[in-house]
Amino acid sequence: MNEQKASAQESLQGLSEGDVSRLGFLQAMIANSYTESGLDPQTFMLVRMAALATLDAAPASWLMNIAVSGEAGLEPELILGMLTAIAPVIGTARIVSAAGHILQALELGEAIAESGE
C-alpha cells in the first residue's frame, strides 16, 4: 500500500472515531463557528448537540462533541434536558436514536482510552 493511501485510510479511521485532528480545516471551521456565534460555551455545545440529534448523527460525531461538552462544563443532565426540549420538534424516534448513539459514543471513547493505555 502506498504512503498516500495509508495516510488517507488513517485519516478516515480517525474520523470514524471522532478525531478531526488530521483534517485541520475541520478544526478551524469548528473553532471559527464558536467564535462567530457569540454564544457561551455551554449554549454553543447544546445547540450543536441538538443539531446532531436532528441529523441522526453517527456515534463518532457525538463522541467528538461529548468530549468538548465536558470541557465546557456541560453536565449529562443538561444534555438530557436538551433532548427533552427538542423531542416535540424532531420526534421520539430521533431522540431514542440520539440516546443510543450517545451511549455508543461513550463506549467508543472508553475503548479508545483503553487502547491508548
PDB file of N, CA and C in Angstrom:
ATOM      1  N   MET A   1       0.859  -1.172   0.000  1.00  0.00           N
ATOM      2  CA  MET A   1       0.000   0.000   0.000  1.00  0.00           C
ATOM      3  C   MET A   1       0.904   1.233   0.000  1.00  0.00           C
ATOM      4  N   ASN A   2       0.589   2.178  -0.883  1.00  0.00           N
ATOM      5  CA  ASN A   2       1.450   3.352  -0.934  1.00  0.00           C
ATOM      6  C   ASN A   2       1.176   4.280   0.253  1.00  0.00           C
ATOM      7  N   GLU A   3       2.098   5.191   0.466  1.00  0.00           N
ATOM      8  CA  GLU A   3       2.048   6.063   1.646  1.00  0.00           C
ATOM      9  C   GLU A   3       0.820   6.970   1.653  1.00  0.00           C
ATOM     10  N   GLN A   4       0.440   7.512   0.493  1.00  0.00           N
ATOM     11  CA  GLN A   4      -0.714   8.407   0.412  1.00  0.00           C
ATOM     12  C   GLN A   4      -2.005   7.656   0.750  1.00  0.00           C
ATOM     13  N   LYS A   5      -2.140   6.446   0.252  1.00  0.00           N
ATOM     14  CA  LYS A   5      -3.328   5.635   0.528  1.00  0.00           C
ATOM     15  C   LYS A   5      -3.397   5.274   2.009  1.00  0.00           C
ATOM     16  N   ALA A   6      -2.248   4.923   2.592  1.00  0.00           N
ATOM     17  CA  ALA A   6      -2.200   4.593   4.018  1.00  0.00           C
ATOM     18  C   ALA A   6      -2.591   5.805   4.859  1.00  0.00           C
ATOM     19  N   SER A   7      -2.101   6.971   4.471  1.00  0.00           N
ATOM     20  CA  SER A   7      -2.419   8.199   5.197  1.00  0.00           C
ATOM     21  C   SER A   7      -3.916   8.504   5.114  1.00  0.00           C
ATOM     22  N   ALA A   8      -4.501   8.312   3.921  1.00  0.00           N
ATOM     23  CA  ALA A   8      -5.937   8.554   3.751  1.00  0.00           C
ATOM     24  C   ALA A   8      -6.745   7.589   4.611  1.00  0.00           C
ATOM     25  N   GLN A   9      -6.328   6.335   4.648  1.00  0.00           N
ATOM     26  CA  GLN A   9      -7.037   5.347   5.472  1.00  0.00           C
ATOM     27  C   GLN A   9      -6.928   5.683   6.952  1.00  0.00           C
ATOM     28  N   GLU A  10      -5.766   6.157   7.383  1.00  0.00           N
ATOM     29  CA  GLU A  10      -5.593   6.553   8.785  1.00  0.00           C
ATOM     30  C   GLU A  10      -6.494   7.742   9.105  1.00  0.00           C
ATOM     31  N   SER A  11      -6.589   8.687   8.175  1.00  0.00           N
ATOM     32  CA  SER A  11      -7.459   9.843   8.391  1.00  0.00           C
ATOM     33  C   SER A  11      -8.914   9.414   8.483  1.00  0.00           C
ATOM     34  N   LEU A  12      -9.338   8.518   7.592  1.00  0.00           N
ATOM     35  CA  LEU A  12     -10.710   8.014   7.637  1.00  0.00           C
ATOM     36  C   LEU A  12     -10.975   7.263   8.937  1.00  0.00           C
ATOM     37  N   GLN A  13     -10.015   6.467   9.384  1.00  0.00           N
ATOM     38  CA  GLN A  13     -10.163   5.746  10.650  1.00  0.00           C
ATOM     39  C   GLN A  13     -10.302   6.732  11.797  1.00  0.00           C
ATOM     40  N   GLY A  14      -9.474   7.759  11.802  1.00  0.00           N
ATOM     41  CA  GLY A  14      -9.560   8.780  12.845  1.00  0.00           C
ATOM     42  C   GLY A  14     -10.905   9.480  12.840  1.00  0.00           C
ATOM     43  N   LEU A  15     -11.389   9.848  11.668  1.00  0.00           N
ATOM     44  CA  LEU A  15     -12.692  10.499  11.575  1.00  0.00           C
ATOM     45  C   LEU A  15     -13.800   9.591  12.087  1.00  0.00           C
ATOM     46  N   SER A  16     -13.708   8.300  11.780  1.00  0.00           N
ATOM     47  CA  SER A  16     -14.736   7.368  12.238  1.00  0.00           C
ATOM     48  C   SER A  16     -14.766   7.247  13.750  1.00  0.00           C
ATOM     49  N   GLU A  17     -13.667   7.656  14.391  1.00  0.00           N
ATOM     50  CA  GLU A  17     -13.574   7.623  15.846  1.00  0.00           C
ATOM     51  C   GLU A  17     -13.730   9.009  16.466  1.00  0.00           C
ATOM     52  N   GLY A  18     -14.097  10.001  15.623  1.00  0.00           N
ATOM     53  CA  GLY A  18     -14.340  11.345  16.135  1.00  0.00           C
ATOM     54  C   GLY A  18     -13.104  12.217  16.231  1.00  0.00           C
ATOM     55  N   ASP A  19     -12.012  11.815  15.617  1.00  0.00           N
ATOM     56  CA  ASP A  19     -10.761  12.581  15.666  1.00  0.00           C
ATOM     57  C   ASP A  19     -10.620  13.404  14.387  1.00  0.00           C
ATOM     58  N   VAL A  20     -10.799  14.720  14.511  1.00  0.00           N
ATOM     59  CA  VAL A  20     -10.682  15.592  13.335  1.00  0.00           C
ATOM     60  C   VAL A  20      -9.299  16.232  13.231  1.00  0.00           C
ATOM     61  N   SER A  21      -8.370  15.818  14.077  1.00  0.00           N
ATOM     62  CA  SER A  21      -7.061  16.475  14.121  1.00  0.00           C
ATOM     63  C   SER A  21      -6.285  16.333  12.818  1.00  0.00           C
ATOM     64  N   ARG A  22      -6.546  15.288  12.035  1.00  0.00           N
ATOM     65  CA  ARG A  22      -5.834  15.102  10.773  1.00  0.00           C
ATOM     66  C   ARG A  22      -6.348  16.034   9.673  1.00  0.00           C
ATOM     67  N   LEU A  23      -7.525  16.591   9.880  1.00  0.00           N
ATOM     68  CA  LEU A  23      -8.102  17.495   8.897  1.00  0.00           C
ATOM     69  C   LEU A  23      -8.233  18.876   9.530  1.00  0.00           C
ATOM     70  N   GLY A  24      -7.172  19.639   9.419  1.00  0.00           N
ATOM     71  CA  GLY A  24      -7.102  20.947  10.068  1.00  0.00           C
ATOM     72  C   GLY A  24      -8.234  21.877   9.700  1.00  0.00           C
ATOM     73  N   PHE A  25      -8.740  21.769   8.454  1.00  0.00           N
ATOM     74  CA  PHE A  25      -9.813  22.674   8.056  1.00  0.00           C
ATOM     75  C   PHE A  25     -11.076  22.438   8.881  1.00  0.00           C
ATOM     76  N   LEU A  26     -11.319  21.179   9.320  1.00  0.00           N
ATOM     77  CA  LEU A  26     -12.475  20.909  10.172  1.00  0.00           C
ATOM     78  C   LEU A  26     -12.290  21.540  11.552  1.00  0.00           C
ATOM     79  N   GLN A  27     -11.088  21.418  12.092  1.00  0.00           N
ATOM     80  CA  GLN A  27     -10.813  22.032  13.392  1.00  0.00           C
ATOM     81  C   GLN A  27     -10.993  23.542  13.305  1.00  0.00           C
ATOM     82  N   ALA A  28     -10.484  24.135  12.235  1.00  0.00           N
ATOM     83  CA  ALA A  28     -10.599  25.588  12.065  1.00  0.00           C
ATOM     84  C   ALA A  28     -12.066  25.997  11.909  1.00  0.00           C
ATOM     85  N   MET A  29     -12.830  25.209  11.151  1.00  0.00           N
ATOM     86  CA  MET A  29     -14.242  25.521  10.936  1.00  0.00           C
ATOM     87  C   MET A  29     -15.004  25.489  12.259  1.00  0.00           C
ATOM     88  N   ILE A  30     -14.731  24.487  13.077  1.00  0.00           N
ATOM     89  CA  ILE A  30     -15.401  24.369  14.375  1.00  0.00           C
ATOM     90  C   ILE A  30     -15.017  25.536  15.280  1.00  0.00           C
ATOM     91  N   ALA A  31     -13.728  25.831  15.351  1.00  0.00           N
ATOM     92  CA  ALA A  31     -13.263  26.937  16.201  1.00  0.00           C
ATOM     93  C   ALA A  31     -13.848  28.267  15.740  1.00  0.00           C
ATOM     94  N   ASN A  32     -13.872  28.486  14.446  1.00  0.00           N
ATOM     95  CA  ASN A  32     -14.410  29.742  13.916  1.00  0.00           C
ATOM     96  C   ASN A  32     -15.909  29.860  14.167  1.00  0.00           C
ATOM     97  N   SER A  33     -16.634  28.756  14.057  1.00  0.00           N
ATOM     98  CA  SER A  33     -18.084  28.829  14.287  1.00  0.00           C
ATOM     99  C   SER A  33     -18.377  29.196  15.737  1.00  0.00           C
ATOM    100  N   TYR A  34     -17.555  28.700  16.660  1.00  0.00           N
ATOM    101  CA  TYR A  34     -17.747  29.071  18.063  1.00  0.00           C
ATOM    102  C   TYR A  34     -17.505  30.565  18.257  1.00  0.00           C
ATOM    103  N   THR A  35     -16.394  31.027  17.747  1.00  0.00           N
ATOM    104  CA  THR A  35     -16.044  32.444  17.903  1.00  0.00           C
ATOM    105  C   THR A  35     -17.113  33.342  17.300  1.00  0.00           C
ATOM    106  N   GLU A  36     -17.541  33.015  16.105  1.00  0.00           N
ATOM    107  CA  GLU A  36     -18.516  33.841  15.399  1.00  0.00           C
ATOM    108  C   GLU A  36     -19.919  33.757  15.992  1.00  0.00           C
ATOM    109  N   SER A  37     -20.232  32.678  16.699  1.00  0.00           N
ATOM    110  CA  SER A  37     -21.591  32.506  17.232  1.00  0.00           C
ATOM    111  C   SER A  37     -21.925  33.518  18.316  1.00  0.00           C
ATOM    112  N   GLY A  38     -20.929  33.914  19.091  1.00  0.00           N
ATOM    113  CA  GLY A  38     -21.177  34.820  20.207  1.00  0.00           C
ATOM    114  C   GLY A  38     -21.859  34.147  21.390  1.00  0.00           C
ATOM    115  N   LEU A  39     -21.985  32.823  21.325  1.00  0.00           N
ATOM    116  CA  LEU A  39     -22.642  32.086  22.408  1.00  0.00           C
ATOM    117  C   LEU A  39     -21.633  31.694  23.477  1.00  0.00           C
ATOM    118  N   ASP A  40     -22.140  31.496  24.699  1.00  0.00           N
ATOM    119  CA  ASP A  40     -21.271  30.967  25.743  1.00  0.00           C
ATOM    120  C   ASP A  40     -21.009  29.491  25.425  1.00  0.00           C
ATOM    121  N   PRO A  41     -19.949  28.892  25.993  1.00  0.00           N
ATOM    122  CA  PRO A  41     -19.583  27.515  25.650  1.00  0.00           C
ATOM    123  C   PRO A  41     -20.697  26.485  25.860  1.00  0.00           C
ATOM    124  N   GLN A  42     -21.435  26.582  26.962  1.00  0.00           N
ATOM    125  CA  GLN A  42     -22.489  25.600  27.215  1.00  0.00           C
ATOM    126  C   GLN A  42     -23.619  25.706  26.197  1.00  0.00           C
ATOM    127  N   THR A  43     -24.056  26.913  25.918  1.00  0.00           N
ATOM    128  CA  THR A  43     -25.127  27.103  24.939  1.00  0.00           C
ATOM    129  C   THR A  43     -24.669  26.635  23.567  1.00  0.00           C
ATOM    130  N   PHE A  44     -23.455  26.972  23.198  1.00  0.00           N
ATOM    131  CA  PHE A  44     -22.899  26.547  21.908  1.00  0.00           C
ATOM    132  C   PHE A  44     -22.950  25.024  21.780  1.00  0.00           C
ATOM    133  N   MET A  45     -22.527  24.313  22.821  1.00  0.00           N
ATOM    134  CA  MET A  45     -22.499  22.859  22.762  1.00  0.00           C
ATOM    135  C   MET A  45     -23.909  22.267  22.763  1.00  0.00           C
ATOM    136  N   LEU A  46     -24.839  22.863  23.503  1.00  0.00           N
ATOM    137  CA  LEU A  46     -26.216  22.377  23.482  1.00  0.00           C
ATOM    138  C   LEU A  46     -26.832  22.525  22.092  1.00  0.00           C
ATOM    139  N   VAL A  47     -26.554  23.637  21.436  1.00  0.00           N
ATOM    140  CA  VAL A  47     -27.067  23.861  20.084  1.00  0.00           C
ATOM    141  C   VAL A  47     -26.471  22.835  19.122  1.00  0.00           C
ATOM    142  N   ARG A  48     -25.171  22.605  19.235  1.00  0.00           N
ATOM    143  CA  ARG A  48     -24.523  21.607  18.368  1.00  0.00           C
ATOM    144  C   ARG A  48     -25.122  20.218  18.595  1.00  0.00           C
ATOM    145  N   MET A  49     -25.340  19.870  19.850  1.00  0.00           N
ATOM    146  CA  MET A  49     -25.898  18.550  20.142  1.00  0.00           C
ATOM    147  C   MET A  49     -27.341  18.435  19.672  1.00  0.00           C
ATOM    148  N   ALA A  50     -28.099  19.504  19.750  1.00  0.00           N
ATOM    149  CA  ALA A  50     -29.462  19.483  19.210  1.00  0.00           C
ATOM    150  C   ALA A  50     -29.416  19.227  17.701  1.00  0.00           C
ATOM    151  N   ALA A  51     -28.458  19.835  17.033  1.00  0.00           N
ATOM    152  CA  ALA A  51     -28.301  19.601  15.595  1.00  0.00           C
ATOM    153  C   ALA A  51     -27.906  18.150  15.324  1.00  0.00           C
ATOM    154  N   LEU A  52     -27.025  17.592  16.146  1.00  0.00           N
ATOM    155  CA  LEU A  52     -26.638  16.187  15.978  1.00  0.00           C
ATOM    156  C   LEU A  52     -27.850  15.273  16.103  1.00  0.00           C
ATOM    157  N   ALA A  53     -28.693  15.529  17.094  1.00  0.00           N
ATOM    158  CA  ALA A  53     -29.889  14.703  17.276  1.00  0.00           C
ATOM    159  C   ALA A  53     -30.819  14.844  16.072  1.00  0.00           C
ATOM    160  N   THR A  54     -30.970  16.050  15.580  1.00  0.00           N
ATOM    161  CA  THR A  54     -31.835  16.296  14.439  1.00  0.00           C
ATOM    162  C   THR A  54     -31.342  15.565  13.194  1.00  0.00           C
ATOM    163  N   LEU A  55     -30.031  15.515  13.031  1.00  0.00           N
ATOM    164  CA  LEU A  55     -29.435  14.884  11.850  1.00  0.00           C
ATOM    165  C   LEU A  55     -29.241  13.377  12.003  1.00  0.00           C
ATOM    166  N   ASP A  56     -29.552  12.827  13.182  1.00  0.00           N
ATOM    167  CA  ASP A  56     -29.307  11.417  13.481  1.00  0.00           C
ATOM    168  C   ASP A  56     -27.832  11.088  13.252  1.00  0.00           C
ATOM    169  N   ALA A  57     -26.980  11.914  13.837  1.00  0.00           N
ATOM    170  CA  ALA A  57     -25.533  11.825  13.643  1.00  0.00           C
ATOM    171  C   ALA A  57     -24.952  10.528  14.181  1.00  0.00           C
ATOM    172  N   ALA A  58     -23.862  10.119  13.574  1.00  0.00           N
ATOM    173  CA  ALA A  58     -23.151   8.898  13.947  1.00  0.00           C
ATOM    174  C   ALA A  58     -22.517   9.035  15.336  1.00  0.00           C
ATOM    175  N   PRO A  59     -22.284   7.903  16.002  1.00  0.00           N
ATOM    176  CA  PRO A  59     -21.664   7.940  17.330  1.00  0.00           C
ATOM    177  C   PRO A  59     -20.342   8.710  17.376  1.00  0.00           C
ATOM    178  N   ALA A  60     -19.529   8.631  16.325  1.00  0.00           N
ATOM    179  CA  ALA A  60     -18.251   9.350  16.332  1.00  0.00           C
ATOM    180  C   ALA A  60     -18.464  10.859  16.397  1.00  0.00           C
ATOM    181  N   SER A  61     -19.515  11.356  15.762  1.00  0.00           N
ATOM    182  CA  SER A  61     -19.818  12.790  15.849  1.00  0.00           C
ATOM    183  C   SER A  61     -20.206  13.168  17.267  1.00  0.00           C
ATOM    184  N   TRP A  62     -20.977  12.299  17.899  1.00  0.00           N
ATOM    185  CA  TRP A  62     -21.339  12.536  19.292  1.00  0.00           C
ATOM    186  C   TRP A  62     -20.111  12.495  20.186  1.00  0.00           C
ATOM    187  N   LEU A  63     -19.222  11.534  19.940  1.00  0.00           N
ATOM    188  CA  LEU A  63     -18.025  11.393  20.767  1.00  0.00           C
ATOM    189  C   LEU A  63     -17.208  12.683  20.769  1.00  0.00           C
ATOM    190  N   MET A  64     -16.993  13.229  19.595  1.00  0.00           N
ATOM    191  CA  MET A  64     -16.212  14.452  19.484  1.00  0.00           C
ATOM    192  C   MET A  64     -16.866  15.580  20.281  1.00  0.00           C
ATOM    193  N   ASN A  65     -18.168  15.704  20.190  1.00  0.00           N
ATOM    194  CA  ASN A  65     -18.872  16.780  20.870  1.00  0.00           C
ATOM    195  C   ASN A  65     -19.041  16.525  22.359  1.00  0.00           C
ATOM    196  N   ILE A  66     -19.181  15.281  22.753  1.00  0.00           N
ATOM    197  CA  ILE A  66     -19.275  14.962  24.182  1.00  0.00           C
ATOM    198  C   ILE A  66     -17.971  15.329  24.885  1.00  0.00           C
ATOM    199  N   ALA A  67     -16.850  15.045  24.234  1.00  0.00           N
ATOM    200  CA  ALA A  67     -15.557  15.386  24.828  1.00  0.00           C
ATOM    201  C   ALA A  67     -15.445  16.888  25.050  1.00  0.00           C
ATOM    202  N   VAL A  68     -15.835  17.657  24.057  1.00  0.00           N
ATOM    203  CA  VAL A  68     -15.765  19.120  24.169  1.00  0.00           C
ATOM    204  C   VAL A  68     -16.792  19.629  25.174  1.00  0.00           C
ATOM    205  N   SER A  69     -17.970  19.004  25.213  1.00  0.00           N
ATOM    206  CA  SER A  69     -19.002  19.479  26.129  1.00  0.00           C
ATOM    207  C   SER A  69     -18.566  19.308  27.580  1.00  0.00           C
ATOM    208  N   GLY A  70     -17.804  18.249  27.858  1.00  0.00           N
ATOM    209  CA  GLY A  70     -17.272  18.069  29.209  1.00  0.00           C
ATOM    210  C   GLY A  70     -16.318  19.182  29.576  1.00  0.00           C
ATOM    211  N   GLU A  71     -15.512  19.592  28.606  1.00  0.00           N
ATOM    212  CA  GLU A  71     -14.591  20.705  28.828  1.00  0.00           C
ATOM    213  C   GLU A  71     -15.352  22.007  29.044  1.00  0.00           C
ATOM    214  N   ALA A  72     -16.533  22.116  28.432  1.00  0.00           N
ATOM    215  CA  ALA A  72     -17.342  23.329  28.570  1.00  0.00           C
ATOM    216  C   ALA A  72     -18.179  23.309  29.849  1.00  0.00           C
ATOM    217  N   GLY A  73     -18.068  22.224  30.620  1.00  0.00           N
ATOM    218  CA  GLY A  73     -18.813  22.132  31.872  1.00  0.00           C
ATOM    219  C   GLY A  73     -20.259  21.720  31.674  1.00  0.00           C
ATOM    220  N   LEU A  74     -20.549  21.062  30.566  1.00  0.00           N
ATOM    221  CA  LEU A  74     -21.910  20.633  30.259  1.00  0.00           C
ATOM    222  C   LEU A  74     -22.180  19.293  30.929  1.00  0.00           C
ATOM    223  N   GLU A  75     -23.076  19.291  31.874  1.00  0.00           N
ATOM    224  CA  GLU A  75     -23.410  18.083  32.629  1.00  0.00           C
ATOM    225  C   GLU A  75     -24.372  17.211  31.830  1.00  0.00           C
ATOM    226  N   PRO A  76     -24.342  15.892  32.053  1.00  0.00           N
ATOM    227  CA  PRO A  76     -25.266  14.989  31.346  1.00  0.00           C
ATOM    228  C   PRO A  76     -26.738  15.376  31.512  1.00  0.00           C
ATOM    229  N   GLU A  77     -27.091  15.942  32.655  1.00  0.00           N
ATOM    230  CA  GLU A  77     -28.474  16.356  32.887  1.00  0.00           C
ATOM    231  C   GLU A  77     -28.907  17.432  31.890  1.00  0.00           C
ATOM    232  N   LEU A  78     -27.988  18.314  31.506  1.00  0.00           N
ATOM    233  CA  LEU A  78     -28.320  19.341  30.517  1.00  0.00           C
ATOM    234  C   LEU A  78     -28.511  18.738  29.136  1.00  0.00           C
ATOM    235  N   ILE A  79     -27.703  17.723  28.809  1.00  0.00           N
ATOM    236  CA  ILE A  79     -27.856  17.047  27.521  1.00  0.00           C
ATOM    237  C   ILE A  79     -29.216  16.348  27.472  1.00  0.00           C
ATOM    238  N   LEU A  80     -29.587  15.679  28.550  1.00  0.00           N
ATOM    239  CA  LEU A  80     -30.889  15.032  28.617  1.00  0.00           C
ATOM    240  C   LEU A  80     -32.010  16.074  28.543  1.00  0.00           C
ATOM    241  N   GLY A  81     -31.821  17.187  29.210  1.00  0.00           N
ATOM    242  CA  GLY A  81     -32.807  18.268  29.148  1.00  0.00           C
ATOM    243  C   GLY A  81     -32.961  18.814  27.743  1.00  0.00           C
ATOM    244  N   MET A  82     -31.843  18.942  27.021  1.00  0.00           N
ATOM    245  CA  MET A  82     -31.893  19.406  25.633  1.00  0.00           C
ATOM    246  C   MET A  82     -32.672  18.423  24.783  1.00  0.00           C
ATOM    247  N   LEU A  83     -32.408  17.118  24.948  1.00  0.00           N
ATOM    248  CA  LEU A  83     -33.139  16.105  24.182  1.00  0.00           C
ATOM    249  C   LEU A  83     -34.635  16.169  24.489  1.00  0.00           C
ATOM    250  N   THR A  84     -34.976  16.382  25.744  1.00  0.00           N
ATOM    251  CA  THR A  84     -36.377  16.510  26.146  1.00  0.00           C
ATOM    252  C   THR A  84     -37.015  17.729  25.488  1.00  0.00           C
ATOM    253  N   ALA A  85     -36.289  18.829  25.451  1.00  0.00           N
ATOM    254  CA  ALA A  85     -36.818  20.069  24.877  1.00  0.00           C
ATOM    255  C   ALA A  85     -37.066  19.962  23.375  1.00  0.00           C
ATOM    256  N   ILE A  86     -36.207  19.239  22.660  1.00  0.00           N
ATOM    257  CA  ILE A  86     -36.370  19.174  21.210  1.00  0.00           C
ATOM    258  C   ILE A  86     -37.231  17.998  20.745  1.00  0.00           C
ATOM    259  N   ALA A  87     -37.598  17.093  21.650  1.00  0.00           N
ATOM    260  CA  ALA A  87     -38.389  15.912  21.282  1.00  0.00           C
ATOM    261  C   ALA A  87     -39.675  16.260  20.530  1.00  0.00           C
ATOM    262  N   PRO A  88     -40.440  17.263  20.970  1.00  0.00           N
ATOM    263  CA  PRO A  88     -41.673  17.564  20.227  1.00  0.00           C
ATOM    264  C   PRO A  88     -41.415  18.063  18.805  1.00  0.00           C
ATOM    265  N   VAL A  89     -40.229  18.577  18.562  1.00  0.00           N
ATOM    266  CA  VAL A  89     -39.906  19.114  17.242  1.00  0.00           C
ATOM    267  C   VAL A  89     -39.354  18.036  16.316  1.00  0.00           C
ATOM    268  N   ILE A  90     -38.453  17.193  16.830  1.00  0.00           N
ATOM    269  CA  ILE A  90     -37.798  16.211  15.950  1.00  0.00           C
ATOM    270  C   ILE A  90     -38.376  14.809  16.063  1.00  0.00           C
ATOM    271  N   GLY A  91     -39.168  14.547  17.085  1.00  0.00           N
ATOM    272  CA  GLY A  91     -39.820  13.255  17.222  1.00  0.00           C
ATOM    273  C   GLY A  91     -39.077  12.296  18.136  1.00  0.00           C
ATOM    274  N   THR A  92     -39.845  11.374  18.668  1.00  0.00           N
ATOM    275  CA  THR A  92     -39.282  10.429  19.627  1.00  0.00           C
ATOM    276  C   THR A  92     -38.286   9.472  18.983  1.00  0.00           C
ATOM    277  N   ALA A  93     -38.498   9.120  17.716  1.00  0.00           N
ATOM    278  CA  ALA A  93     -37.572   8.189  17.060  1.00  0.00           C
ATOM    279  C   ALA A  93     -36.161   8.774  17.020  1.00  0.00           C
ATOM    280  N   ARG A  94     -36.046  10.060  16.724  1.00  0.00           N
ATOM    281  CA  ARG A  94     -34.714  10.696  16.700  1.00  0.00           C
ATOM    282  C   ARG A  94     -34.123  10.796  18.104  1.00  0.00           C
ATOM    283  N   ILE A  95     -34.952  11.014  19.096  1.00  0.00           N
ATOM    284  CA  ILE A  95     -34.461  11.106  20.476  1.00  0.00           C
ATOM    285  C   ILE A  95     -33.927   9.751  20.932  1.00  0.00           C
ATOM    286  N   VAL A  96     -34.663   8.690  20.635  1.00  0.00           N
ATOM    287  CA  VAL A  96     -34.215   7.345  21.006  1.00  0.00           C
ATOM    288  C   VAL A  96     -32.920   7.008  20.270  1.00  0.00           C
ATOM    289  N   SER A  97     -32.857   7.361  18.991  1.00  0.00           N
ATOM    290  CA  SER A  97     -31.645   7.130  18.207  1.00  0.00           C
ATOM    291  C   SER A  97     -30.472   7.918  18.792  1.00  0.00           C
ATOM    292  N   ALA A  98     -30.710   9.175  19.139  1.00  0.00           N
ATOM    293  CA  ALA A  98     -29.643  10.004  19.720  1.00  0.00           C
ATOM    294  C   ALA A  98     -29.140   9.398  21.020  1.00  0.00           C
ATOM    295  N   ALA A  99     -30.053   8.935  21.864  1.00  0.00           N
ATOM    296  CA  ALA A  99     -29.636   8.329  23.125  1.00  0.00           C
ATOM    297  C   ALA A  99     -28.761   7.103  22.867  1.00  0.00           C
ATOM    298  N   GLY A 100     -29.144   6.296  21.896  1.00  0.00           N
ATOM    299  CA  GLY A 100     -28.336   5.127  21.550  1.00  0.00           C
ATOM    300  C   GLY A 100     -26.976   5.509  21.018  1.00  0.00           C
ATOM    301  N   HIS A 101     -26.946   6.538  20.172  1.00  0.00           N
ATOM    302  CA  HIS A 101     -25.664   6.989  19.621  1.00  0.00           C
ATOM    303  C   HIS A 101     -24.771   7.601  20.694  1.00  0.00           C
ATOM    304  N   ILE A 102     -25.375   8.280  21.646  1.00  0.00           N
ATOM    305  CA  ILE A 102     -24.592   8.842  22.757  1.00  0.00           C
ATOM    306  C   ILE A 102     -23.951   7.705  23.550  1.00  0.00           C
ATOM    307  N   LEU A 103     -24.723   6.670  23.845  1.00  0.00           N
ATOM    308  CA  LEU A 103     -24.177   5.528  24.588  1.00  0.00           C
ATOM    309  C   LEU A 103     -23.074   4.833  23.785  1.00  0.00           C
ATOM    310  N   GLN A 104     -23.269   4.670  22.472  1.00  0.00           N
ATOM    311  CA  GLN A 104     -22.228   4.079  21.628  1.00  0.00           C
ATOM    312  C   GLN A 104     -20.982   4.950  21.622  1.00  0.00           C
ATOM    313  N   ALA A 105     -21.168   6.267  21.603  1.00  0.00           N
ATOM    314  CA  ALA A 105     -20.030   7.190  21.623  1.00  0.00           C
ATOM    315  C   ALA A 105     -19.243   7.047  22.919  1.00  0.00           C
ATOM    316  N   LEU A 106     -19.951   6.924  24.026  1.00  0.00           N
ATOM    317  CA  LEU A 106     -19.268   6.758  25.310  1.00  0.00           C
ATOM    318  C   LEU A 106     -18.476   5.454  25.335  1.00  0.00           C
ATOM    319  N   GLU A 107     -19.059   4.382  24.786  1.00  0.00           N
ATOM    320  CA  GLU A 107     -18.353   3.107  24.703  1.00  0.00           C
ATOM    321  C   GLU A 107     -17.136   3.215  23.799  1.00  0.00           C
ATOM    322  N   LEU A 108     -17.286   3.893  22.667  1.00  0.00           N
ATOM    323  CA  LEU A 108     -16.166   4.102  21.750  1.00  0.00           C
ATOM    324  C   LEU A 108     -15.057   4.886  22.426  1.00  0.00           C
ATOM    325  N   GLY A 109     -15.433   5.926  23.171  1.00  0.00           N
ATOM    326  CA  GLY A 109     -14.449   6.710  23.907  1.00  0.00           C
ATOM    327  C   GLY A 109     -13.700   5.890  24.924  1.00  0.00           C
ATOM    328  N   GLU A 110     -14.417   5.009  25.633  1.00  0.00           N
ATOM    329  CA  GLU A 110     -13.765   4.134  26.611  1.00  0.00           C
ATOM    330  C   GLU A 110     -12.803   3.163  25.916  1.00  0.00           C
ATOM    331  N   ALA A 111     -13.223   2.614  24.776  1.00  0.00           N
ATOM    332  CA  ALA A 111     -12.380   1.666  24.052  1.00  0.00           C
ATOM    333  C   ALA A 111     -11.118   2.365  23.541  1.00  0.00           C
ATOM    334  N   ILE A 112     -11.255   3.580  23.058  1.00  0.00           N
ATOM    335  CA  ILE A 112     -10.102   4.340  22.576  1.00  0.00           C
ATOM    336  C   ILE A 112      -9.159   4.641  23.725  1.00  0.00           C
ATOM    337  N   ALA A 113      -9.724   5.034  24.873  1.00  0.00           N
ATOM    338  CA  ALA A 113      -8.901   5.348  26.046  1.00  0.00           C
ATOM    339  C   ALA A 113      -8.159   4.101  26.524  1.00  0.00           C
ATOM    340  N   GLU A 114      -8.830   2.954  26.521  1.00  0.00           N
ATOM    341  CA  GLU A 114      -8.186   1.713  26.958  1.00  0.00           C
ATOM    342  C   GLU A 114      -7.090   1.284  26.001  1.00  0.00           C
ATOM    343  N   SER A 115      -7.290   1.483  24.715  1.00  0.00           N
ATOM    344  CA  SER A 115      -6.275   1.076  23.734  1.00  0.00           C
ATOM    345  C   SER A 115      -5.047   1.987  23.795  1.00  0.00           C
ATOM    346  N   GLY A 116      -5.234   3.202  24.332  1.00  0.00           N
ATOM    347  CA  GLY A 116      -4.118   4.135  24.441  1.00  0.00           C
ATOM    348  C   GLY A 116      -3.312   3.962  25.698  1.00  0.00           C
ATOM    349  N   GLU A 117      -3.800   3.133  26.611  1.00  0.00           N
ATOM    350  CA  GLU A 117      -3.104   2.954  27.892  1.00  0.00           C
ATOM    351  C   GLU A 117      -1.940   2.001  27.754  1.00  0.00           C
TER     352      GLU A 117
END
